[in-house]
PDB file of N, CA and C in Angstrom:
ATOM      1  N   ASP A   1      35.331  71.097  91.543  1.00  0.00           N
ATOM      2  CA  ASP A   1      35.345  72.171  92.514  1.00  0.00           C
ATOM      3  C   ASP A   1      36.403  73.208  92.130  1.00  0.00           C
ATOM      4  N   GLU A   2      36.138  74.461  92.361  1.00  0.00           N
ATOM      5  CA  GLU A   2      37.045  75.544  91.958  1.00  0.00           C
ATOM      6  C   GLU A   2      38.390  75.483  92.673  1.00  0.00           C
ATOM      7  N   ILE A   3      38.392  75.056  93.920  1.00  0.00           N
ATOM      8  CA  ILE A   3      39.644  74.991  94.678  1.00  0.00           C
ATOM      9  C   ILE A   3      40.575  73.947  94.067  1.00  0.00           C
ATOM     10  N   GLU A   4      40.036  72.839  93.645  1.00  0.00           N
ATOM     11  CA  GLU A   4      40.854  71.787  93.045  1.00  0.00           C
ATOM     12  C   GLU A   4      41.449  72.217  91.704  1.00  0.00           C
ATOM     13  N   CYS A   5      40.873  73.233  91.072  1.00  0.00           N
ATOM     14  CA  CYS A   5      41.375  73.732  89.788  1.00  0.00           C
ATOM     15  C   CYS A   5      42.521  74.732  89.956  1.00  0.00           C
ATOM     16  N   LEU A   6      42.815  75.126  91.185  1.00  0.00           N
ATOM     17  CA  LEU A   6      43.914  76.070  91.408  1.00  0.00           C
ATOM     18  C   LEU A   6      45.234  75.452  90.979  1.00  0.00           C
ATOM     19  N   ARG A   7      46.136  76.314  90.474  1.00  0.00           N
ATOM     20  CA  ARG A   7      47.450  75.837  90.043  1.00  0.00           C
ATOM     21  C   ARG A   7      48.513  76.849  90.462  1.00  0.00           C
ATOM     22  N   GLU A   8      49.767  76.508  90.219  1.00  0.00           N
ATOM     23  CA  GLU A   8      50.877  77.371  90.609  1.00  0.00           C
ATOM     24  C   GLU A   8      50.709  78.782  90.060  1.00  0.00           C
ATOM     25  N   MET A   9      51.058  79.750  90.891  1.00  0.00           N
ATOM     26  CA  MET A   9      51.052  81.172  90.606  1.00  0.00           C
ATOM     27  C   MET A   9      49.651  81.780  90.545  1.00  0.00           C
ATOM     28  N   ASP A  10      48.617  81.030  90.878  1.00  0.00           N
ATOM     29  CA  ASP A  10      47.286  81.616  91.020  1.00  0.00           C
ATOM     30  C   ASP A  10      47.267  82.459  92.285  1.00  0.00           C
ATOM     31  N   ARG A  11      46.541  83.550  92.250  1.00  0.00           N
ATOM     32  CA  ARG A  11      46.427  84.438  93.411  1.00  0.00           C
ATOM     33  C   ARG A  11      45.063  84.220  94.043  1.00  0.00           C
ATOM     34  N   ILE A  12      45.047  84.163  95.382  1.00  0.00           N
ATOM     35  CA  ILE A  12      43.821  83.911  96.130  1.00  0.00           C
ATOM     36  C   ILE A  12      43.824  84.742  97.410  1.00  0.00           C
ATOM     37  N   ASP A  13      42.713  84.761  98.104  1.00  0.00           N
ATOM     38  CA  ASP A  13      42.646  85.178  99.500  1.00  0.00           C
ATOM     39  C   ASP A  13      42.622  83.894 100.309  1.00  0.00           C
ATOM     40  N   HIS A  14      43.439  83.842 101.344  1.00  0.00           N
ATOM     41  CA  HIS A  14      43.508  82.625 102.158  1.00  0.00           C
ATOM     42  C   HIS A  14      43.458  82.994 103.634  1.00  0.00           C
ATOM     43  N   ARG A  15      42.732  82.213 104.387  1.00  0.00           N
ATOM     44  CA  ARG A  15      42.581  82.457 105.828  1.00  0.00           C
ATOM     45  C   ARG A  15      43.767  81.864 106.575  1.00  0.00           C
ATOM     46  N   ASN A  16      44.514  82.726 107.284  1.00  0.00           N
ATOM     47  CA  ASN A  16      45.697  82.267 108.016  1.00  0.00           C
ATOM     48  C   ASN A  16      45.293  81.629 109.349  1.00  0.00           C
ATOM     49  N   PRO A  17      46.243  81.074 110.108  1.00  0.00           N
ATOM     50  CA  PRO A  17      45.900  80.412 111.373  1.00  0.00           C
ATOM     51  C   PRO A  17      45.247  81.325 112.412  1.00  0.00           C
ATOM     52  N   PHE A  18      45.346  82.644 112.247  1.00  0.00           N
ATOM     53  CA  PHE A  18      44.730  83.589 113.184  1.00  0.00           C
ATOM     54  C   PHE A  18      43.330  84.006 112.750  1.00  0.00           C
ATOM     55  N   GLY A  19      42.853  83.460 111.631  1.00  0.00           N
ATOM     56  CA  GLY A  19      41.509  83.762 111.170  1.00  0.00           C
ATOM     57  C   GLY A  19      41.406  84.955 110.255  1.00  0.00           C
ATOM     58  N   GLN A  20      42.534  85.534 109.844  1.00  0.00           N
ATOM     59  CA  GLN A  20      42.531  86.698 108.954  1.00  0.00           C
ATOM     60  C   GLN A  20      42.662  86.232 107.507  1.00  0.00           C
ATOM     61  N   PHE A  21      41.897  86.859 106.623  1.00  0.00           N
ATOM     62  CA  PHE A  21      42.060  86.578 105.201  1.00  0.00           C
ATOM     63  C   PHE A  21      43.141  87.498 104.652  1.00  0.00           C
ATOM     64  N   LEU A  22      44.170  86.910 104.040  1.00  0.00           N
ATOM     65  CA  LEU A  22      45.292  87.642 103.465  1.00  0.00           C
ATOM     66  C   LEU A  22      45.442  87.269 101.996  1.00  0.00           C
ATOM     67  N   ARG A  23      46.010  88.190 101.237  1.00  0.00           N
ATOM     68  CA  ARG A  23      46.312  87.882  99.842  1.00  0.00           C
ATOM     69  C   ARG A  23      47.445  86.860  99.808  1.00  0.00           C
ATOM     70  N   ALA A  24      47.344  85.889  98.918  1.00  0.00           N
ATOM     71  CA  ALA A  24      48.335  84.823  98.866  1.00  0.00           C
ATOM     72  C   ALA A  24      48.520  84.338  97.435  1.00  0.00           C
ATOM     73  N   THR A  25      49.632  83.633  97.218  1.00  0.00           N
ATOM     74  CA  THR A  25      49.947  83.047  95.920  1.00  0.00           C
ATOM     75  C   THR A  25      50.176  81.552  96.099  1.00  0.00           C
ATOM     76  N   ILE A  26      49.646  80.764  95.186  1.00  0.00           N
ATOM     77  CA  ILE A  26      49.892  79.322  95.194  1.00  0.00           C
ATOM     78  C   ILE A  26      51.289  79.102  94.615  1.00  0.00           C
ATOM     79  N   MET A  27      52.189  78.523  95.415  1.00  0.00           N
ATOM     80  CA  MET A  27      53.569  78.318  94.979  1.00  0.00           C
ATOM     81  C   MET A  27      53.794  76.919  94.401  1.00  0.00           C
ATOM     82  N   ALA A  28      52.995  75.948  94.847  1.00  0.00           N
ATOM     83  CA  ALA A  28      53.138  74.576  94.346  1.00  0.00           C
ATOM     84  C   ALA A  28      51.848  73.819  94.610  1.00  0.00           C
ATOM     85  N   LYS A  29      51.694  72.723  93.883  1.00  0.00           N
ATOM     86  CA  LYS A  29      50.526  71.868  94.076  1.00  0.00           C
ATOM     87  C   LYS A  29      50.982  70.417  94.057  1.00  0.00           C
ATOM     88  N   ASP A  30      50.572  69.671  95.059  1.00  0.00           N
ATOM     89  CA  ASP A  30      50.888  68.246  95.140  1.00  0.00           C
ATOM     90  C   ASP A  30      49.596  67.472  94.878  1.00  0.00           C
ATOM     91  N   GLU A  31      49.480  66.930  93.678  1.00  0.00           N
ATOM     92  CA  GLU A  31      48.265  66.215  93.270  1.00  0.00           C
ATOM     93  C   GLU A  31      48.057  64.942  94.087  1.00  0.00           C
ATOM     94  N   GLU A  32      49.155  64.247  94.427  1.00  0.00           N
ATOM     95  CA  GLU A  32      49.038  62.994  95.171  1.00  0.00           C
ATOM     96  C   GLU A  32      48.525  63.216  96.592  1.00  0.00           C
ATOM     97  N   GLU A  33      49.055  64.250  97.255  1.00  0.00           N
ATOM     98  CA  GLU A  33      48.659  64.550  98.633  1.00  0.00           C
ATOM     99  C   GLU A  33      47.435  65.461  98.689  1.00  0.00           C
ATOM    100  N   ASN A  34      47.055  66.008  97.531  1.00  0.00           N
ATOM    101  CA  ASN A  34      45.928  66.939  97.444  1.00  0.00           C
ATOM    102  C   ASN A  34      46.150  68.167  98.334  1.00  0.00           C
ATOM    103  N   THR A  35      47.331  68.785  98.172  1.00  0.00           N
ATOM    104  CA  THR A  35      47.699  69.950  98.979  1.00  0.00           C
ATOM    105  C   THR A  35      48.215  71.076  98.087  1.00  0.00           C
ATOM    106  N   LEU A  36      48.163  72.287  98.632  1.00  0.00           N
ATOM    107  CA  LEU A  36      48.689  73.473  97.959  1.00  0.00           C
ATOM    108  C   LEU A  36      49.707  74.145  98.865  1.00  0.00           C
ATOM    109  N   LYS A  37      50.824  74.606  98.293  1.00  0.00           N
ATOM    110  CA  LYS A  37      51.785  75.392  99.056  1.00  0.00           C
ATOM    111  C   LYS A  37      51.423  76.858  98.870  1.00  0.00           C
ATOM    112  N   ILE A  38      51.201  77.552  99.979  1.00  0.00           N
ATOM    113  CA  ILE A  38      50.705  78.919  99.944  1.00  0.00           C
ATOM    114  C   ILE A  38      51.751  79.879 100.485  1.00  0.00           C
ATOM    115  N   ARG A  39      51.958  80.983  99.764  1.00  0.00           N
ATOM    116  CA  ARG A  39      52.842  82.057 100.226  1.00  0.00           C
ATOM    117  C   ARG A  39      51.993  83.312 100.384  1.00  0.00           C
ATOM    118  N   TYR A  40      51.991  83.868 101.588  1.00  0.00           N
ATOM    119  CA  TYR A  40      51.240  85.092 101.849  1.00  0.00           C
ATOM    120  C   TYR A  40      51.983  86.276 101.263  1.00  0.00           C
ATOM    121  N   ASP A  41      51.280  87.092 100.491  1.00  0.00           N
ATOM    122  CA  ASP A  41      51.892  88.231  99.806  1.00  0.00           C
ATOM    123  C   ASP A  41      52.212  89.355 100.780  1.00  0.00           C
ATOM    124  N   GLY A  42      53.317  90.043 100.519  1.00  0.00           N
ATOM    125  CA  GLY A  42      53.652  91.240 101.279  1.00  0.00           C
ATOM    126  C   GLY A  42      54.442  91.011 102.546  1.00  0.00           C
ATOM    127  N   TRP A  43      54.755  89.766 102.889  1.00  0.00           N
ATOM    128  CA  TRP A  43      55.529  89.503 104.096  1.00  0.00           C
ATOM    129  C   TRP A  43      57.008  89.535 103.776  1.00  0.00           C
ATOM    130  N   ASN A  44      57.794  90.048 104.701  1.00  0.00           N
ATOM    131  CA  ASN A  44      59.232  90.070 104.574  1.00  0.00           C
ATOM    132  C   ASN A  44      59.736  88.630 104.459  1.00  0.00           C
ATOM    133  N   HIS A  45      60.800  88.430 103.696  1.00  0.00           N
ATOM    134  CA  HIS A  45      61.307  87.076 103.469  1.00  0.00           C
ATOM    135  C   HIS A  45      61.697  86.352 104.753  1.00  0.00           C
ATOM    136  N   GLN A  46      62.043  87.087 105.804  1.00  0.00           N
ATOM    137  CA  GLN A  46      62.438  86.434 107.054  1.00  0.00           C
ATOM    138  C   GLN A  46      61.247  85.770 107.755  1.00  0.00           C
ATOM    139  N   TYR A  47      60.017  86.140 107.389  1.00  0.00           N
ATOM    140  CA  TYR A  47      58.836  85.555 108.014  1.00  0.00           C
ATOM    141  C   TYR A  47      58.182  84.463 107.179  1.00  0.00           C
ATOM    142  N   THR A  48      58.678  84.243 105.972  1.00  0.00           N
ATOM    143  CA  THR A  48      58.003  83.279 105.102  1.00  0.00           C
ATOM    144  C   THR A  48      58.017  81.873 105.674  1.00  0.00           C
ATOM    145  N   LYS A  49      59.066  81.505 106.400  1.00  0.00           N
ATOM    146  CA  LYS A  49      59.107  80.162 106.984  1.00  0.00           C
ATOM    147  C   LYS A  49      58.059  80.013 108.080  1.00  0.00           C
ATOM    148  N   LEU A  50      57.726  81.104 108.752  1.00  0.00           N
ATOM    149  CA  LEU A  50      56.719  81.051 109.811  1.00  0.00           C
ATOM    150  C   LEU A  50      55.307  80.981 109.250  1.00  0.00           C
ATOM    151  N   TRP A  51      55.063  81.703 108.162  1.00  0.00           N
ATOM    152  CA  TRP A  51      53.696  81.859 107.658  1.00  0.00           C
ATOM    153  C   TRP A  51      53.372  80.951 106.487  1.00  0.00           C
ATOM    154  N   ASP A  52      54.313  80.777 105.574  1.00  0.00           N
ATOM    155  CA  ASP A  52      54.033  79.999 104.376  1.00  0.00           C
ATOM    156  C   ASP A  52      53.974  78.519 104.707  1.00  0.00           C
ATOM    157  N   GLY A  53      53.149  77.784 103.975  1.00  0.00           N
ATOM    158  CA  GLY A  53      53.080  76.356 104.232  1.00  0.00           C
ATOM    159  C   GLY A  53      52.089  75.662 103.333  1.00  0.00           C
ATOM    160  N   TRP A  54      51.879  74.395 103.628  1.00  0.00           N
ATOM    161  CA  TRP A  54      51.003  73.550 102.834  1.00  0.00           C
ATOM    162  C   TRP A  54      49.618  73.506 103.442  1.00  0.00           C
ATOM    163  N   CYS A  55      48.611  73.519 102.599  1.00  0.00           N
ATOM    164  CA  CYS A  55      47.225  73.443 103.044  1.00  0.00           C
ATOM    165  C   CYS A  55      46.527  72.325 102.275  1.00  0.00           C
ATOM    166  N   THR A  56      45.866  71.454 103.000  1.00  0.00           N
ATOM    167  CA  THR A  56      45.137  70.352 102.385  1.00  0.00           C
ATOM    168  C   THR A  56      43.856  70.866 101.729  1.00  0.00           C
ATOM    169  N   ILE A  57      43.566  70.345 100.561  1.00  0.00           N
ATOM    170  CA  ILE A  57      42.313  70.672  99.876  1.00  0.00           C
ATOM    171  C   ILE A  57      41.287  69.631 100.298  1.00  0.00           C
ATOM    172  N   SER A  58      40.284  70.058 101.052  1.00  0.00           N
ATOM    173  CA  SER A  58      39.241  69.139 101.511  1.00  0.00           C
ATOM    174  C   SER A  58      37.992  69.936 101.874  1.00  0.00           C
ATOM    175  N   MET A  59      36.949  69.237 102.199  1.00  0.00           N
ATOM    176  CA  MET A  59      35.709  69.891 102.627  1.00  0.00           C
ATOM    177  C   MET A  59      35.929  70.666 103.921  1.00  0.00           C
ATOM    178  N   GLU A  60      36.838  70.185 104.771  1.00  0.00           N
ATOM    179  CA  GLU A  60      37.105  70.834 106.052  1.00  0.00           C
ATOM    180  C   GLU A  60      37.898  72.131 105.906  1.00  0.00           C
ATOM    181  N   THR A  61      38.601  72.311 104.790  1.00  0.00           N
ATOM    182  CA  THR A  61      39.421  73.512 104.615  1.00  0.00           C
ATOM    183  C   THR A  61      38.912  74.453 103.533  1.00  0.00           C
ATOM    184  N   GLN A  62      37.813  74.130 102.883  1.00  0.00           N
ATOM    185  CA  GLN A  62      37.341  74.973 101.777  1.00  0.00           C
ATOM    186  C   GLN A  62      36.956  76.375 102.237  1.00  0.00           C
ATOM    187  N   HIS A  63      36.601  76.558 103.514  1.00  0.00           N
ATOM    188  CA  HIS A  63      36.236  77.882 104.018  1.00  0.00           C
ATOM    189  C   HIS A  63      37.444  78.816 104.121  1.00  0.00           C
ATOM    190  N   LYS A  64      38.644  78.283 103.946  1.00  0.00           N
ATOM    191  CA  LYS A  64      39.860  79.101 104.028  1.00  0.00           C
ATOM    192  C   LYS A  64      40.231  79.753 102.700  1.00  0.00           C
ATOM    193  N   PHE A  65      39.511  79.437 101.637  1.00  0.00           N
ATOM    194  CA  PHE A  65      39.837  79.939 100.304  1.00  0.00           C
ATOM    195  C   PHE A  65      38.770  80.907  99.811  1.00  0.00           C
ATOM    196  N   ALA A  66      39.228  81.969  99.133  1.00  0.00           N
ATOM    197  CA  ALA A  66      38.302  82.928  98.527  1.00  0.00           C
ATOM    198  C   ALA A  66      38.957  83.527  97.287  1.00  0.00           C
ATOM    199  N   TRP A  67      38.123  84.112  96.407  1.00  0.00           N
ATOM    200  CA  TRP A  67      38.649  84.794  95.227  1.00  0.00           C
ATOM    201  C   TRP A  67      39.617  85.885  95.662  1.00  0.00           C
ATOM    202  N   TYR A  68      40.643  86.109  94.852  1.00  0.00           N
ATOM    203  CA  TYR A  68      41.674  87.104  95.146  1.00  0.00           C
ATOM    204  C   TYR A  68      41.062  88.483  95.393  1.00  0.00           C
ATOM    205  N   ARG A  69      41.398  89.078  96.522  1.00  0.00           N
ATOM    206  CA  ARG A  69      40.985  90.408  96.974  1.00  0.00           C
ATOM    207  C   ARG A  69      39.487  90.517  97.290  1.00  0.00           C
ATOM    208  N   SER A  70      38.768  89.404  97.276  1.00  0.00           N
ATOM    209  CA  SER A  70      37.340  89.471  97.566  1.00  0.00           C
ATOM    210  C   SER A  70      37.063  89.708  99.052  1.00  0.00           C
ATOM    211  N   ILE A  71      37.964  89.289  99.907  1.00  0.00           N
ATOM    212  CA  ILE A  71      37.803  89.499 101.344  1.00  0.00           C
ATOM    213  C   ILE A  71      38.934  90.345 101.904  1.00  0.00           C
ATOM    214  N   SER A  72      40.156  90.122 101.451  1.00  0.00           N
ATOM    215  CA  SER A  72      41.315  90.810 102.025  1.00  0.00           C
ATOM    216  C   SER A  72      41.272  92.325 101.823  1.00  0.00           C
ATOM    217  N   ARG A  73      40.602  92.795 100.778  1.00  0.00           N
ATOM    218  CA  ARG A  73      40.570  94.233 100.492  1.00  0.00           C
ATOM    219  C   ARG A  73      39.184  94.860 100.590  1.00  0.00           C
ATOM    220  N   ARG A  74      38.207  94.129 101.071  1.00  0.00           N
ATOM    221  CA  ARG A  74      36.869  94.707 101.149  1.00  0.00           C
ATOM    222  C   ARG A  74      36.748  95.605 102.385  1.00  0.00           C
ATOM    223  N   ARG A  75      35.838  96.513 102.331  1.00  0.00           N
ATOM    224  CA  ARG A  75      35.552  97.386 103.464  1.00  0.00           C
ATOM    225  C   ARG A  75      34.742  96.619 104.487  1.00  0.00           C
ATOM    226  N   SER A  76      34.867  97.020 105.716  1.00  0.00           N
ATOM    227  CA  SER A  76      34.137  96.354 106.786  1.00  0.00           C
ATOM    228  C   SER A  76      32.638  96.618 106.647  1.00  0.00           C
ATOM    229  N   HIS A  77      31.840  95.614 106.950  1.00  0.00           N
ATOM    230  CA  HIS A  77      30.395  95.753 106.904  1.00  0.00           C
ATOM    231  C   HIS A  77      29.817  96.051 108.291  1.00  0.00           C
ATOM    232  N   ASN A  78      30.665  96.072 109.287  1.00  0.00           N
ATOM    233  CA  ASN A  78      30.207  96.307 110.654  1.00  0.00           C
ATOM    234  C   ASN A  78      29.983  97.802 110.864  1.00  0.00           C
ATOM    235  N   TRP A  79      28.772  98.212 111.179  1.00  0.00           N
ATOM    236  CA  TRP A  79      28.442  99.631 111.331  1.00  0.00           C
ATOM    237  C   TRP A  79      29.220 100.270 112.475  1.00  0.00           C
ATOM    238  N   LYS A  80      29.634  99.494 113.461  1.00  0.00           N
ATOM    239  CA  LYS A  80      30.367 100.049 114.603  1.00  0.00           C
ATOM    240  C   LYS A  80      31.721 100.616 114.178  1.00  0.00           C
ATOM    241  N   PHE A  81      32.341 100.021 113.154  1.00  0.00           N
ATOM    242  CA  PHE A  81      33.653 100.473 112.715  1.00  0.00           C
ATOM    243  C   PHE A  81      33.617 101.846 112.050  1.00  0.00           C
ATOM    244  N   LYS A  82      32.464 102.290 111.601  1.00  0.00           N
ATOM    245  CA  LYS A  82      32.353 103.591 110.940  1.00  0.00           C
ATOM    246  C   LYS A  82      32.622 104.744 111.902  1.00  0.00           C
ATOM    247  N   PHE A  83      32.495 104.494 113.196  1.00  0.00           N
ATOM    248  CA  PHE A  83      32.665 105.550 114.190  1.00  0.00           C
ATOM    249  C   PHE A  83      34.062 105.578 114.793  1.00  0.00           C
ATOM    250  N   LEU A  84      34.944 104.689 114.358  1.00  0.00           N
ATOM    251  CA  LEU A  84      36.301 104.663 114.900  1.00  0.00           C
ATOM    252  C   LEU A  84      37.119 105.802 114.318  1.00  0.00           C
ATOM    253  N   ARG A  85      37.843 106.500 115.183  1.00  0.00           N
ATOM    254  CA  ARG A  85      38.685 107.626 114.764  1.00  0.00           C
ATOM    255  C   ARG A  85      39.991 107.610 115.548  1.00  0.00           C
ATOM    256  N   LYS A  86      40.980 108.296 115.023  1.00  0.00           N
ATOM    257  CA  LYS A  86      42.251 108.451 115.717  1.00  0.00           C
ATOM    258  C   LYS A  86      42.002 109.118 117.068  1.00  0.00           C
ATOM    259  N   GLY A  87      42.585 108.538 118.120  1.00  0.00           N
ATOM    260  CA  GLY A  87      42.385 109.051 119.472  1.00  0.00           C
ATOM    261  C   GLY A  87      41.227 108.388 120.198  1.00  0.00           C
ATOM    262  N   GLY A  88      40.425 107.613 119.494  1.00  0.00           N
ATOM    263  CA  GLY A  88      39.303 106.923 120.119  1.00  0.00           C
ATOM    264  C   GLY A  88      39.766 105.737 120.951  1.00  0.00           C
ATOM    265  N   LEU A  89      38.916 105.315 121.866  1.00  0.00           N
ATOM    266  CA  LEU A  89      39.235 104.175 122.718  1.00  0.00           C
ATOM    267  C   LEU A  89      38.444 102.953 122.263  1.00  0.00           C
ATOM    268  N   VAL A  90      39.095 101.809 122.307  1.00  0.00           N
ATOM    269  CA  VAL A  90      38.465 100.549 121.954  1.00  0.00           C
ATOM    270  C   VAL A  90      38.856  99.482 122.975  1.00  0.00           C
ATOM    271  N   GLU A  91      38.051  98.446 123.044  1.00  0.00           N
ATOM    272  CA  GLU A  91      38.403  97.278 123.829  1.00  0.00           C
ATOM    273  C   GLU A  91      38.697  96.147 122.858  1.00  0.00           C
ATOM    274  N   PHE A  92      39.717  95.367 123.161  1.00  0.00           N
ATOM    275  CA  PHE A  92      40.043  94.238 122.305  1.00  0.00           C
ATOM    276  C   PHE A  92      40.446  93.045 123.157  1.00  0.00           C
ATOM    277  N   ARG A  93      40.293  91.888 122.552  1.00  0.00           N
ATOM    278  CA  ARG A  93      40.714  90.638 123.178  1.00  0.00           C
ATOM    279  C   ARG A  93      41.408  89.821 122.112  1.00  0.00           C
ATOM    280  N   PRO A  94      42.633  89.372 122.360  1.00  0.00           N
ATOM    281  CA  PRO A  94      43.344  88.584 121.347  1.00  0.00           C
ATOM    282  C   PRO A  94      42.539  87.361 120.934  1.00  0.00           C
ATOM    283  N   ILE A  95      42.587  87.061 119.636  1.00  0.00           N
ATOM    284  CA  ILE A  95      41.873  85.905 119.105  1.00  0.00           C
ATOM    285  C   ILE A  95      42.480  84.617 119.625  1.00  0.00           C
ATOM    286  N   SER A  96      43.811  84.562 119.622  1.00  0.00           N
ATOM    287  CA  SER A  96      44.495  83.343 120.030  1.00  0.00           C
ATOM    288  C   SER A  96      45.298  83.602 121.291  1.00  0.00           C
ATOM    289  N   GLN A  97      44.932  82.974 122.367  1.00  0.00           N
ATOM    290  CA  GLN A  97      45.662  83.143 123.616  1.00  0.00           C
ATOM    291  C   GLN A  97      47.034  82.486 123.550  1.00  0.00           C
ATOM    292  N   LYS A  98      47.188  81.545 122.659  1.00  0.00           N
ATOM    293  CA  LYS A  98      48.459  80.845 122.516  1.00  0.00           C
ATOM    294  C   LYS A  98      49.578  81.796 122.079  1.00  0.00           C
ATOM    295  N   HIS A  99      49.255  82.742 121.195  1.00  0.00           N
ATOM    296  CA  HIS A  99      50.285  83.611 120.624  1.00  0.00           C
ATOM    297  C   HIS A  99      50.280  85.021 121.196  1.00  0.00           C
ATOM    298  N   HIS A 100      49.289  85.382 121.993  1.00  0.00           N
ATOM    299  CA  HIS A 100      49.183  86.741 122.510  1.00  0.00           C
ATOM    300  C   HIS A 100      48.994  86.712 124.022  1.00  0.00           C
ATOM    301  N   GLN A 101      50.070  86.588 124.750  1.00  0.00           N
ATOM    302  CA  GLN A 101      49.975  86.603 126.201  1.00  0.00           C
ATOM    303  C   GLN A 101      50.203  88.038 126.656  1.00  0.00           C
ATOM    304  N   LEU A 102      49.187  88.646 127.260  1.00  0.00           N
ATOM    305  CA  LEU A 102      49.250  90.058 127.610  1.00  0.00           C
ATOM    306  C   LEU A 102      49.998  90.313 128.917  1.00  0.00           C
ATOM    307  N   ASP A 103      49.879  89.416 129.869  1.00  0.00           N
ATOM    308  CA  ASP A 103      50.538  89.588 131.151  1.00  0.00           C
ATOM    309  C   ASP A 103      51.138  88.254 131.555  1.00  0.00           C
ATOM    310  N   LYS A 104      52.438  88.112 131.379  1.00  0.00           N
ATOM    311  CA  LYS A 104      53.089  86.826 131.620  1.00  0.00           C
ATOM    312  C   LYS A 104      53.087  86.435 133.096  1.00  0.00           C
ATOM    313  N   ASN A 105      52.961  87.423 133.984  1.00  0.00           N
ATOM    314  CA  ASN A 105      53.005  87.113 135.412  1.00  0.00           C
ATOM    315  C   ASN A 105      51.779  86.359 135.897  1.00  0.00           C
ATOM    316  N   ASN A 106      50.600  86.791 135.505  1.00  0.00           N
ATOM    317  CA  ASN A 106      49.411  86.112 136.005  1.00  0.00           C
ATOM    318  C   ASN A 106      48.581  85.453 134.906  1.00  0.00           C
ATOM    319  N   GLY A 107      49.070  85.478 133.659  1.00  0.00           N
ATOM    320  CA  GLY A 107      48.381  84.778 132.582  1.00  0.00           C
ATOM    321  C   GLY A 107      47.039  85.374 132.207  1.00  0.00           C
ATOM    322  N   TYR A 108      46.847  86.678 132.386  1.00  0.00           N
ATOM    323  CA  TYR A 108      45.581  87.324 132.060  1.00  0.00           C
ATOM    324  C   TYR A 108      45.450  87.504 130.558  1.00  0.00           C
ATOM    325  N   TYR A 109      44.354  86.996 129.997  1.00  0.00           N
ATOM    326  CA  TYR A 109      44.125  87.078 128.558  1.00  0.00           C
ATOM    327  C   TYR A 109      42.860  87.839 128.202  1.00  0.00           C
ATOM    328  N   GLY A 110      42.248  88.502 129.138  1.00  0.00           N
ATOM    329  CA  GLY A 110      40.948  89.112 128.908  1.00  0.00           C
ATOM    330  C   GLY A 110      40.978  90.356 128.053  1.00  0.00           C
ATOM    331  N   TRP A 111      39.888  91.097 128.098  1.00  0.00           N
ATOM    332  CA  TRP A 111      39.727  92.305 127.314  1.00  0.00           C
ATOM    333  C   TRP A 111      40.665  93.395 127.818  1.00  0.00           C
ATOM    334  N   GLN A 112      41.186  94.178 126.879  1.00  0.00           N
ATOM    335  CA  GLN A 112      42.098  95.270 127.192  1.00  0.00           C
ATOM    336  C   GLN A 112      41.595  96.554 126.531  1.00  0.00           C
ATOM    337  N   CYS A 113      41.882  97.678 127.159  1.00  0.00           N
ATOM    338  CA  CYS A 113      41.524  98.983 126.595  1.00  0.00           C
ATOM    339  C   CYS A 113      42.722  99.503 125.810  1.00  0.00           C
ATOM    340  N   ALA A 114      42.467 100.112 124.659  1.00  0.00           N
ATOM    341  CA  ALA A 114      43.537 100.639 123.827  1.00  0.00           C
ATOM    342  C   ALA A 114      43.065 101.909 123.126  1.00  0.00           C
ATOM    343  N   GLU A 115      44.037 102.750 122.737  1.00  0.00           N
ATOM    344  CA  GLU A 115      43.730 103.985 122.020  1.00  0.00           C
ATOM    345  C   GLU A 115      44.151 103.816 120.554  1.00  0.00           C
ATOM    346  N   ILE A 116      43.326 104.301 119.650  1.00  0.00           N
ATOM    347  CA  ILE A 116      43.640 104.243 118.220  1.00  0.00           C
ATOM    348  C   ILE A 116      44.626 105.378 117.925  1.00  0.00           C
ATOM    349  N   PHE A 117      45.798 105.024 117.407  1.00  0.00           N
ATOM    350  CA  PHE A 117      46.796 106.052 117.168  1.00  0.00           C
ATOM    351  C   PHE A 117      47.169 106.197 115.694  1.00  0.00           C
ATOM    352  N   LYS A 118      46.657 105.382 114.827  1.00  0.00           N
ATOM    353  CA  LYS A 118      47.005 105.500 113.415  1.00  0.00           C
ATOM    354  C   LYS A 118      45.790 105.314 112.547  1.00  0.00           C
TER     355      LYS A 118
END
C-alpha cells in the first residue's frame, strides 16, 4: 500500500481532526506501532504541540491521506462557491461543536449569518 511506503520528510495532504485537508510533512515513522508523526506545514511553532501528532496507518485512517497538494490546493468544485464575493452574506455552522461554541450562555450551536470581508 502507498501509505505504508511513506517515510520521513515525505510531503502529503493530511486530514486534520476538523476534517480539513492540510499540507503536512512526515516527521517520523514507527514501524513497530505502524504510525506516522505528522507536522502540518505553515503553522507557527507555538501551535505545533496542538496540531502535530501521531497517526495510525490502518484501513480506518487511509481516507486521511492524499498526494501532496492534491486536495489542499485544489479549487472548489462546488458551483455555489463561484458566486461568493466580498460583502456577500453566507450562513455557516461550525463543523465541531466541541471547539466552536458560539454562545456560551445558552449553548446555541446552530447556523449563523456572516459577511464575507476578505
